[in-house]
C-alpha cells in the first residue's frame, strides 16, 4: 500500500496531468478549422473551454447561467468562453438548432470525432478547462446551480 501511495504521489508531482492544450484541429459552426493550441494565444487573456453536448442538461444549464454574466466578465477579466460540443454522429445535427435557439455569445466549436475530448482524457461533461498564456490553469468537472460564481472567483484570481 505504501508503494502505491508513493507511486501515485510521484505521478502527481511530476506533472501527470496535461499542462497545455493538445495540438488538435476541430471545426467551428462555419466549418472553418480551428487549432485549439495555437488559435487561442492572446497574451494574458483567459480562455474558458467548456465541453458540452446537446443531450447534457447540466452543460446547457451551465452555459445559460454564464450567459447572464458573460458580457461583464469578458470585459472585466479579459476572458473568452469557447463552447466545444462533444456530440457524436447521432446528435451532431442538433447542435446548430440548439445554439441558434439559445443565442449564446460564445464561440462554438465542434469536436466531431471527440479527438480533443480523448486527448484531454475527459470522461464526464460538463468539463471546463481554463487556459491563460497557453497553460492550463484550472479544471472544473461537473456543474451545479451557482457554480458559475465559483468559476468567476477562480477567473478573478488569474
Protein backbone atom coordinates (compact mmCIF):
# COMPACT_ATOMS: atom_id res chain seq x y z
CA UNK A 1 0.00 0.00 0.00
CA UNK A 2 2.82 2.37 0.86
CA UNK A 3 4.46 1.72 -2.50
CA UNK A 4 1.21 2.52 -4.34
CA UNK A 5 0.86 5.78 -2.40
CA UNK A 6 4.45 6.78 -3.25
CA UNK A 7 3.93 5.93 -6.93
CA UNK A 8 0.73 8.00 -7.10
CA UNK A 9 2.39 10.90 -5.31
CA UNK A 10 5.30 10.77 -7.77
CA UNK A 11 2.96 10.77 -10.79
CA UNK A 12 1.04 13.77 -9.45
CA UNK A 13 4.19 15.72 -8.58
CA UNK A 14 5.85 15.06 -11.94
CA UNK A 15 3.06 16.63 -13.95
CA UNK A 16 0.99 13.59 -14.86
CA UNK A 17 -1.85 15.95 -15.77
CA UNK A 18 -1.74 17.79 -19.07
CA UNK A 19 -0.30 21.31 -18.75
CA UNK A 20 -1.20 22.70 -22.18
CA UNK A 21 -3.91 22.11 -24.74
CA UNK A 22 -3.05 19.45 -27.33
CA UNK A 23 -2.27 20.44 -30.91
CA UNK A 24 -5.61 19.36 -32.37
CA UNK A 25 -7.73 20.84 -35.16
CA UNK A 26 -11.50 20.96 -34.84
CA UNK A 27 -14.19 22.88 -36.75
CA UNK A 28 -16.39 25.85 -35.94
CA UNK A 29 -20.04 26.14 -36.99
CA UNK A 30 -18.98 27.55 -40.37
CA UNK A 31 -16.77 24.50 -40.98
CA UNK A 32 -13.60 26.56 -40.52
CA UNK A 33 -10.67 24.69 -38.99
CA UNK A 34 -9.51 25.91 -35.58
CA UNK A 35 -6.41 24.73 -33.76
CA UNK A 36 -7.05 24.76 -30.03
CA UNK A 37 -3.40 25.11 -29.06
CA UNK A 38 -2.42 27.85 -31.49
CA UNK A 39 -5.57 29.91 -32.16
CA UNK A 40 -6.18 30.98 -28.56
CA UNK A 41 -2.89 32.54 -27.58
CA UNK A 42 -3.50 36.23 -26.85
CA UNK A 43 -1.15 37.17 -24.03
CA UNK A 44 -2.79 37.45 -20.59
CA UNK A 45 -6.23 36.64 -21.99
CA UNK A 46 -8.18 33.94 -20.15
CA UNK A 47 -9.76 31.26 -22.32
CA UNK A 48 -12.51 29.14 -20.82
CA UNK A 49 -13.11 25.96 -22.80
CA UNK A 50 -16.48 24.49 -21.85
CA UNK A 51 -17.08 20.95 -23.11
CA UNK A 52 -20.78 20.20 -23.54
CA UNK A 53 -23.33 18.25 -25.59
CA UNK A 54 -26.91 18.84 -26.67
CA UNK A 55 -28.17 15.94 -24.54
CA UNK A 56 -26.36 17.15 -21.38
CA UNK A 57 -28.82 19.15 -19.24
CA UNK A 58 -26.18 20.32 -16.70
CA UNK A 59 -24.00 21.51 -19.60
CA UNK A 60 -26.76 23.65 -21.04
CA UNK A 61 -27.68 25.00 -17.60
CA UNK A 62 -24.07 25.99 -17.03
CA UNK A 63 -23.76 27.77 -20.38
CA UNK A 64 -27.09 29.54 -19.79
CA UNK A 65 -26.01 30.65 -16.28
CA UNK A 66 -22.70 32.01 -17.57
CA UNK A 67 -24.50 33.78 -20.42
CA UNK A 68 -26.21 36.05 -17.87
CA UNK A 69 -22.81 37.37 -16.73
CA UNK A 70 -20.73 36.88 -19.86
CA UNK A 71 -20.64 40.45 -21.16
CA UNK A 72 -19.47 41.81 -17.81
CA UNK A 73 -16.99 39.01 -17.18
CA UNK A 74 -15.41 39.16 -20.63
CA UNK A 75 -14.88 42.90 -20.32
CA UNK A 76 -13.72 42.91 -16.69
CA UNK A 77 -11.49 39.85 -16.85
CA UNK A 78 -10.31 39.85 -20.49
CA UNK A 79 -11.76 36.39 -20.97
CA UNK A 80 -13.44 34.44 -23.73
CA UNK A 81 -15.55 31.31 -23.45
CA UNK A 82 -15.28 28.69 -26.16
CA UNK A 83 -18.09 26.12 -26.01
CA UNK A 84 -16.90 22.83 -27.50
CA UNK A 85 -19.64 20.41 -28.48
CA UNK A 86 -18.73 16.77 -27.93
CA UNK A 87 -21.85 15.48 -29.66
CA UNK A 88 -21.28 12.29 -31.62
CA UNK A 89 -22.55 11.45 -35.10
CA UNK A 90 -26.03 10.60 -33.74
CA UNK A 91 -26.61 14.01 -32.10
CA UNK A 92 -24.41 16.44 -34.07
CA UNK A 93 -27.38 17.57 -36.16
CA UNK A 94 -28.93 19.07 -33.00
CA UNK A 95 -26.03 21.44 -32.27
CA UNK A 96 -26.80 24.26 -34.71
CA UNK A 97 -30.54 24.48 -33.94
CA UNK A 98 -29.86 24.46 -30.19
CA UNK A 99 -27.16 27.13 -30.45
CA UNK A 100 -29.37 29.29 -32.68
CA UNK A 101 -32.24 29.00 -30.22
CA UNK A 102 -30.07 29.86 -27.21
CA UNK A 103 -28.37 32.82 -28.90
CA UNK A 104 -25.17 32.15 -26.98
CA UNK A 105 -22.47 34.81 -27.32
CA UNK A 106 -19.73 32.17 -27.25
CA UNK A 107 -17.52 30.83 -29.99
CA UNK A 108 -18.90 27.34 -30.69
CA UNK A 109 -16.56 24.57 -31.82
CA UNK A 110 -17.37 21.00 -32.82
CA UNK A 111 -15.24 18.13 -31.55
CA UNK A 112 -16.98 15.85 -34.05
CA UNK A 113 -14.73 12.81 -33.58
CA UNK A 114 -14.16 13.55 -29.89
CA UNK A 115 -10.44 13.68 -30.58
CA UNK A 116 -9.89 16.67 -28.28
CA UNK A 117 -12.07 15.11 -25.58
CA UNK A 118 -9.97 11.93 -25.71
CA UNK A 119 -6.67 13.84 -25.76
CA UNK A 120 -7.66 15.64 -22.56
CA UNK A 121 -8.93 12.37 -21.02
CA UNK A 122 -12.37 13.87 -20.42
CA UNK A 123 -14.77 11.25 -19.13
CA UNK A 124 -17.76 13.31 -17.97
CA UNK A 125 -19.22 16.59 -19.13
CA UNK A 126 -19.71 19.41 -18.40
CA UNK A 127 -15.98 19.84 -18.22
CA UNK A 128 -14.31 23.23 -18.12
CA UNK A 129 -10.66 23.96 -18.86
CA UNK A 130 -9.26 27.40 -18.05
CA UNK A 131 -6.20 28.44 -20.03
CA UNK A 132 -4.03 31.52 -19.72
CA UNK A 133 -0.81 32.15 -21.64
CA UNK A 134 -1.07 28.69 -23.23
CA UNK A 135 -1.09 26.94 -19.83
CA UNK A 136 -3.97 25.03 -18.31
CA UNK A 137 -4.56 26.86 -15.03
CA UNK A 138 -7.70 25.18 -13.69
CA UNK A 139 -10.13 22.38 -14.50
CA UNK A 140 -13.73 22.02 -13.32
CA UNK A 141 -15.65 18.78 -13.79
CA UNK A 142 -19.43 18.97 -13.45
CA UNK A 143 -21.91 21.73 -12.74
CA UNK A 144 -24.40 22.54 -10.01
CA UNK A 145 -26.55 25.62 -9.64
CA UNK A 146 -24.44 28.57 -8.51
CA UNK A 147 -21.14 27.04 -9.65
CA UNK A 148 -20.77 29.82 -12.21
CA UNK A 149 -19.98 32.20 -9.35
CA UNK A 150 -17.21 29.85 -8.16
CA UNK A 151 -15.91 29.92 -11.73
CA UNK A 152 -15.99 33.72 -11.66
CA UNK A 153 -13.96 33.78 -8.42
CA UNK A 154 -11.41 31.41 -9.97
CA UNK A 155 -11.16 33.61 -13.07
CA UNK A 156 -10.65 36.73 -10.94
CA UNK A 157 -7.67 35.08 -9.24
CA UNK A 158 -5.94 34.64 -12.59
